[in-house]
Amino acid sequence: MFKTMGFHNVAILDGGLPLWLELGYPVQNSFAIAFKKGSFTANYTSGLIYDYTSILNAIKDSKKVILDARSYHRYLGTISEPTEGLRSGHIQNSKSLPYTTLLNGVQMKSREVLKEIFPKYSENNFIFLMWFGNNSVYFSIGCGGCRN
């Protein structure tokens, strides 16, 4: 989402807060510094978010790879979606790649392993499906980790 709004200087803490705490690093419950107001202005970058029509076109495009981050059983529709009213199953021609496939516990797998998971396509050929959550963000991070 940051890249979509033109903010490209972004980093993610591999392992997040769970690993930070596990390693015994310090945390605090209050602000120690008064922050000054920033000067960021959002600049929407088109082509990073697909709408209904774009997805329908991508289904027919052999150069596009639609990846579904949900569990395999949710992808198949053999278990109910946790969100009431959301239909089970998957988009035609999409591929199941549960986001957990990209993780070793709470950390991303190595660059070498990620290169094996993601086919040899440019990041622009992937469409990462995000239902109600941020699981497809792992795809963007993982796929980006495949590049040199």
C-alpha atoms as a PDB file:
ATOM      1  CA  MET A   1       0.000   0.000   0.000  1.00  0.00           C
ATOM      2  CA  PHE A   2       2.875   2.394   0.692  1.00  0.00           C
ATOM      3  CA  LYS A   3       4.206   1.925  -2.852  1.00  0.00           C
ATOM      4  CA  THR A   4       0.723   2.468  -4.250  1.00  0.00           C
ATOM      5  CA  MET A   5       0.691   5.880  -2.610  1.00  0.00           C
ATOM      6  CA  GLY A   6       4.181   6.777  -3.851  1.00  0.00           C
ATOM      7  CA  PHE A   7       6.140   6.028  -0.692  1.00  0.00           C
ATOM      8  CA  HIS A   8       9.007   3.727  -1.698  1.00  0.00           C
ATOM      9  CA  ASN A   9      11.443   4.110   1.201  1.00  0.00           C
ATOM     10  CA  VAL A  10       9.799   1.379   3.271  1.00  0.00           C
ATOM     11  CA  ALA A  11      11.243  -1.442   5.357  1.00  0.00           C
ATOM     12  CA  ILE A  12       9.629  -4.300   7.228  1.00  0.00           C
ATOM     13  CA  LEU A  13      11.053  -5.783  10.427  1.00  0.00           C
ATOM     14  CA  ASP A  14      11.613  -9.436   9.509  1.00  0.00           C
ATOM     15  CA  GLY A  15      10.000 -11.473  12.263  1.00  0.00           C
ATOM     16  CA  GLY A  16       8.036  -8.476  13.491  1.00  0.00           C
ATOM     17  CA  LEU A  17       7.348  -7.735  17.131  1.00  0.00           C
ATOM     18  CA  PRO A  18       7.131 -11.444  18.104  1.00  0.00           C
ATOM     19  CA  LEU A  19      10.780 -12.072  17.168  1.00  0.00           C
ATOM     20  CA  TRP A  20      11.878  -8.715  18.597  1.00  0.00           C
ATOM     21  CA  LEU A  21      10.393  -9.713  21.954  1.00  0.00           C
ATOM     22  CA  GLU A  22      11.772 -13.258  21.724  1.00  0.00           C
ATOM     23  CA  LEU A  23      15.283 -11.871  21.230  1.00  0.00           C
ATOM     24  CA  GLY A  24      14.857  -9.713  24.339  1.00  0.00           C
ATOM     25  CA  TYR A  25      15.081  -6.329  22.637  1.00  0.00           C
ATOM     26  CA  PRO A  26      13.602  -3.391  24.563  1.00  0.00           C
ATOM     27  CA  VAL A  27      10.086  -2.077  24.106  1.00  0.00           C
ATOM     28  CA  GLN A  28       8.247   0.805  25.707  1.00  0.00           C
ATOM     29  CA  ASN A  29       4.637   1.775  26.249  1.00  0.00           C
ATOM     30  CA  SER A  30       4.929   5.524  25.716  1.00  0.00           C
ATOM     31  CA  PHE A  31       6.463   7.983  23.257  1.00  0.00           C
ATOM     32  CA  ALA A  32       9.959   9.061  24.247  1.00  0.00           C
ATOM     33  CA  ILE A  33      10.271  11.694  21.513  1.00  0.00           C
ATOM     34  CA  ALA A  34       7.826  14.327  20.335  1.00  0.00           C
ATOM     35  CA  PHE A  35       7.642  13.843  16.569  1.00  0.00           C
ATOM     36  CA  LYS A  36       7.462  16.752  14.156  1.00  0.00           C
ATOM     37  CA  LYS A  37       4.828  16.794  11.461  1.00  0.00           C
ATOM     38  CA  GLY A  38       6.120  15.211   8.251  1.00  0.00           C
ATOM     39  CA  SER A  39       5.843  16.512   4.714  1.00  0.00           C
ATOM     40  CA  PHE A  40       4.793  13.366   2.834  1.00  0.00           C
ATOM     41  CA  THR A  41       2.276  13.879   0.040  1.00  0.00           C
ATOM     42  CA  ALA A  42       0.578  10.801  -1.378  1.00  0.00           C
ATOM     43  CA  ASN A  43       0.997  10.271  -5.119  1.00  0.00           C
ATOM     44  CA  TYR A  44      -1.162   7.433  -6.371  1.00  0.00           C
ATOM     45  CA  THR A  45       0.755   4.969  -8.583  1.00  0.00           C
ATOM     46  CA  SER A  46      -1.672   3.390 -11.033  1.00  0.00           C
ATOM     47  CA  GLY A  47      -1.358  -0.214 -12.109  1.00  0.00           C
ATOM     48  CA  LEU A  48      -0.640  -1.598  -8.647  1.00  0.00           C
ATOM     49  CA  ILE A  49      -4.268  -2.236  -7.673  1.00  0.00           C
ATOM     50  CA  TYR A  50      -6.519  -4.361  -9.850  1.00  0.00           C
ATOM     51  CA  ASP A  51     -10.260  -3.815 -10.087  1.00  0.00           C
ATOM     52  CA  TYR A  52     -12.938  -6.290 -11.186  1.00  0.00           C
ATOM     53  CA  THR A  53     -12.409  -5.639 -14.904  1.00  0.00           C
ATOM     54  CA  SER A  54      -8.625  -5.908 -14.608  1.00  0.00           C
ATOM     55  CA  ILE A  55      -8.952  -9.282 -12.859  1.00  0.00           C
ATOM     56  CA  LEU A  56     -11.328 -10.571 -15.556  1.00  0.00           C
ATOM     57  CA  ASN A  57      -8.769  -9.572 -18.198  1.00  0.00           C
ATOM     58  CA  ALA A  58      -5.913 -11.128 -16.226  1.00  0.00           C
ATOM     59  CA  ILE A  59      -7.754 -14.464 -16.025  1.00  0.00           C
ATOM     60  CA  LYS A  60      -7.391 -14.716 -19.811  1.00  0.00           C
ATOM     61  CA  ASP A  61      -3.801 -13.418 -19.936  1.00  0.00           C
ATOM     62  CA  SER A  62      -1.248 -16.255 -19.864  1.00  0.00           C
ATOM     63  CA  LYS A  63       1.460 -13.748 -18.871  1.00  0.00           C
ATOM     64  CA  LYS A  64      -0.299 -12.930 -15.588  1.00  0.00           C
ATOM     65  CA  VAL A  65      -0.034 -15.131 -12.508  1.00  0.00           C
ATOM     66  CA  ILE A  66      -2.845 -14.641  -9.988  1.00  0.00           C
ATOM     67  CA  LEU A  67      -1.705 -15.833  -6.551  1.00  0.00           C
ATOM     68  CA  ASP A  68      -4.130 -16.475  -3.695  1.00  0.00           C
ATOM     69  CA  ALA A  69      -2.556 -16.061  -0.236  1.00  0.00           C
ATOM     70  CA  ARG A  70      -5.266 -17.892   1.715  1.00  0.00           C
ATOM     71  CA  SER A  71      -4.950 -21.431   3.043  1.00  0.00           C
ATOM     72  CA  TYR A  72      -5.368 -24.195   0.476  1.00  0.00           C
ATOM     73  CA  HIS A  73      -8.691 -25.300   2.004  1.00  0.00           C
ATOM     74  CA  ARG A  74     -10.090 -21.775   1.773  1.00  0.00           C
ATOM     75  CA  TYR A  75      -8.833 -21.582  -1.828  1.00  0.00           C
ATOM     76  CA  LEU A  76     -10.624 -24.851  -2.660  1.00  0.00           C
ATOM     77  CA  GLY A  77     -13.747 -23.757  -0.814  1.00  0.00           C
ATOM     78  CA  THR A  78     -13.772 -26.887   1.368  1.00  0.00           C
ATOM     79  CA  ILE A  79     -13.970 -24.765   4.516  1.00  0.00           C
ATOM     80  CA  SER A  80     -16.037 -21.653   5.119  1.00  0.00           C
ATOM     81  CA  GLU A  81     -14.554 -18.196   4.938  1.00  0.00           C
ATOM     82  CA  PRO A  82     -14.145 -16.568   8.354  1.00  0.00           C
ATOM     83  CA  THR A  83     -15.959 -13.447   7.126  1.00  0.00           C
ATOM     84  CA  GLU A  84     -19.724 -13.895   7.100  1.00  0.00           C
ATOM     85  CA  GLY A  85     -21.262 -13.580   3.637  1.00  0.00           C
ATOM     86  CA  LEU A  86     -17.996 -14.111   1.729  1.00  0.00           C
ATOM     87  CA  ARG A  87     -18.267 -16.926  -0.821  1.00  0.00           C
ATOM     88  CA  SER A  88     -15.863 -19.853  -0.723  1.00  0.00           C
ATOM     89  CA  GLY A  89     -13.627 -20.930  -3.581  1.00  0.00           C
ATOM     90  CA  HIS A  90     -11.190 -19.184  -5.856  1.00  0.00           C
ATOM     91  CA  ILE A  91     -10.866 -17.033  -8.958  1.00  0.00           C
ATOM     92  CA  GLN A  92     -10.595 -18.978 -12.199  1.00  0.00           C
ATOM     93  CA  ASN A  93      -6.969 -19.680 -13.268  1.00  0.00           C
ATOM     94  CA  SER A  94      -5.586 -18.425  -9.953  1.00  0.00           C
ATOM     95  CA  LYS A  95      -2.925 -20.409  -8.105  1.00  0.00           C
ATOM     96  CA  SER A  96      -2.884 -21.295  -4.441  1.00  0.00           C
ATOM     97  CA  LEU A  97       0.216 -20.155  -2.593  1.00  0.00           C
ATOM     98  CA  PRO A  98      -0.598 -19.804   1.111  1.00  0.00           C
ATOM     99  CA  TYR A  99       1.391 -16.920   2.560  1.00  0.00           C
ATOM    100  CA  THR A 100       2.723 -19.272   5.237  1.00  0.00           C
ATOM    101  CA  THR A 101       4.723 -20.998   2.463  1.00  0.00           C
ATOM    102  CA  LEU A 102       6.997 -17.944   2.449  1.00  0.00           C
ATOM    103  CA  LEU A 103       7.747 -18.064   6.166  1.00  0.00           C
ATOM    104  CA  ASN A 104      10.042 -19.907   8.551  1.00  0.00           C
ATOM    105  CA  GLY A 105       8.054 -19.337  11.716  1.00  0.00           C
ATOM    106  CA  VAL A 106       7.615 -15.557  11.825  1.00  0.00           C
ATOM    107  CA  GLN A 107      10.528 -14.732   9.475  1.00  0.00           C
ATOM    108  CA  MET A 108      10.686 -14.693   5.684  1.00  0.00           C
ATOM    109  CA  LYS A 109      12.511 -17.606   4.080  1.00  0.00           C
ATOM    110  CA  SER A 110      15.910 -16.964   2.532  1.00  0.00           C
ATOM    111  CA  ARG A 111      16.304 -15.222  -0.827  1.00  0.00           C
ATOM    112  CA  GLU A 112      17.472 -18.517  -2.346  1.00  0.00           C
ATOM    113  CA  VAL A 113      14.324 -20.356  -1.208  1.00  0.00           C
ATOM    114  CA  LEU A 114      12.052 -17.499  -2.328  1.00  0.00           C
ATOM    115  CA  LYS A 115      13.620 -17.632  -5.799  1.00  0.00           C
ATOM    116  CA  GLU A 116      12.586 -21.296  -5.978  1.00  0.00           C
ATOM    117  CA  ILE A 117       9.028 -20.547  -4.846  1.00  0.00           C
ATOM    118  CA  PHE A 118       8.341 -17.722  -7.288  1.00  0.00           C
ATOM    119  CA  PRO A 119       8.534 -18.515 -10.996  1.00  0.00           C
ATOM    120  CA  LYS A 120      10.879 -16.487 -13.219  1.00  0.00           C
ATOM    121  CA  TYR A 121       8.497 -13.621 -13.925  1.00  0.00           C
ATOM    122  CA  SER A 122       8.897  -9.947 -13.268  1.00  0.00           C
ATOM    123  CA  GLU A 123       6.957  -8.648 -10.280  1.00  0.00           C
ATOM    124  CA  ASN A 124       4.631  -6.868 -12.729  1.00  0.00           C
ATOM    125  CA  ASN A 125       3.310 -10.232 -13.909  1.00  0.00           C
ATOM    126  CA  PHE A 126       2.028 -11.230 -10.475  1.00  0.00           C
ATOM    127  CA  ILE A 127      -1.355 -10.312  -9.070  1.00  0.00           C
ATOM    128  CA  PHE A 128      -1.461 -10.884  -5.325  1.00  0.00           C
ATOM    129  CA  LEU A 129      -4.969 -11.488  -4.030  1.00  0.00           C
ATOM    130  CA  MET A 130      -5.814  -9.867  -0.724  1.00  0.00           C
ATOM    131  CA  TRP A 131      -9.221 -10.646   0.709  1.00  0.00           C
ATOM    132  CA  PHE A 132      -9.648  -9.113   4.160  1.00  0.00           C
ATOM    133  CA  GLY A 133      -6.203  -8.786   5.660  1.00  0.00           C
ATOM    134  CA  ASN A 134      -2.630  -8.226   4.734  1.00  0.00           C
ATOM    135  CA  ASN A 135      -1.482 -11.752   3.889  1.00  0.00           C
ATOM    136  CA  SER A 136      -0.749 -10.923   0.255  1.00  0.00           C
ATOM    137  CA  VAL A 137       1.758  -8.330   1.468  1.00  0.00           C
ATOM    138  CA  TYR A 138       4.030 -11.316   2.156  1.00  0.00           C
ATOM    139  CA  PHE A 139       3.920 -12.035  -1.600  1.00  0.00           C
ATOM    140  CA  SER A 140       5.071  -8.574  -2.500  1.00  0.00           C
ATOM    141  CA  ILE A 141       7.890  -8.739   0.038  1.00  0.00           C
ATOM    142  CA  GLY A 142       8.805 -12.309  -0.892  1.00  0.00           C
ATOM    143  CA  CYS A 143       8.724 -11.691  -4.626  1.00  0.00           C
ATOM    144  CA  GLY A 144      10.762  -8.550  -4.177  1.00  0.00           C
ATOM    145  CA  GLY A 145      13.261 -10.637  -2.237  1.00  0.00           C
ATOM    146  CA  CYS A 146      13.730 -12.785  -5.338  1.00  0.00           C
ATOM    147  CA  ARG A 147      15.326  -9.977  -7.296  1.00  0.00           C
ATOM    148  CA  ASN A 148      19.053  -9.333  -7.097  1.00  0.00           C
END
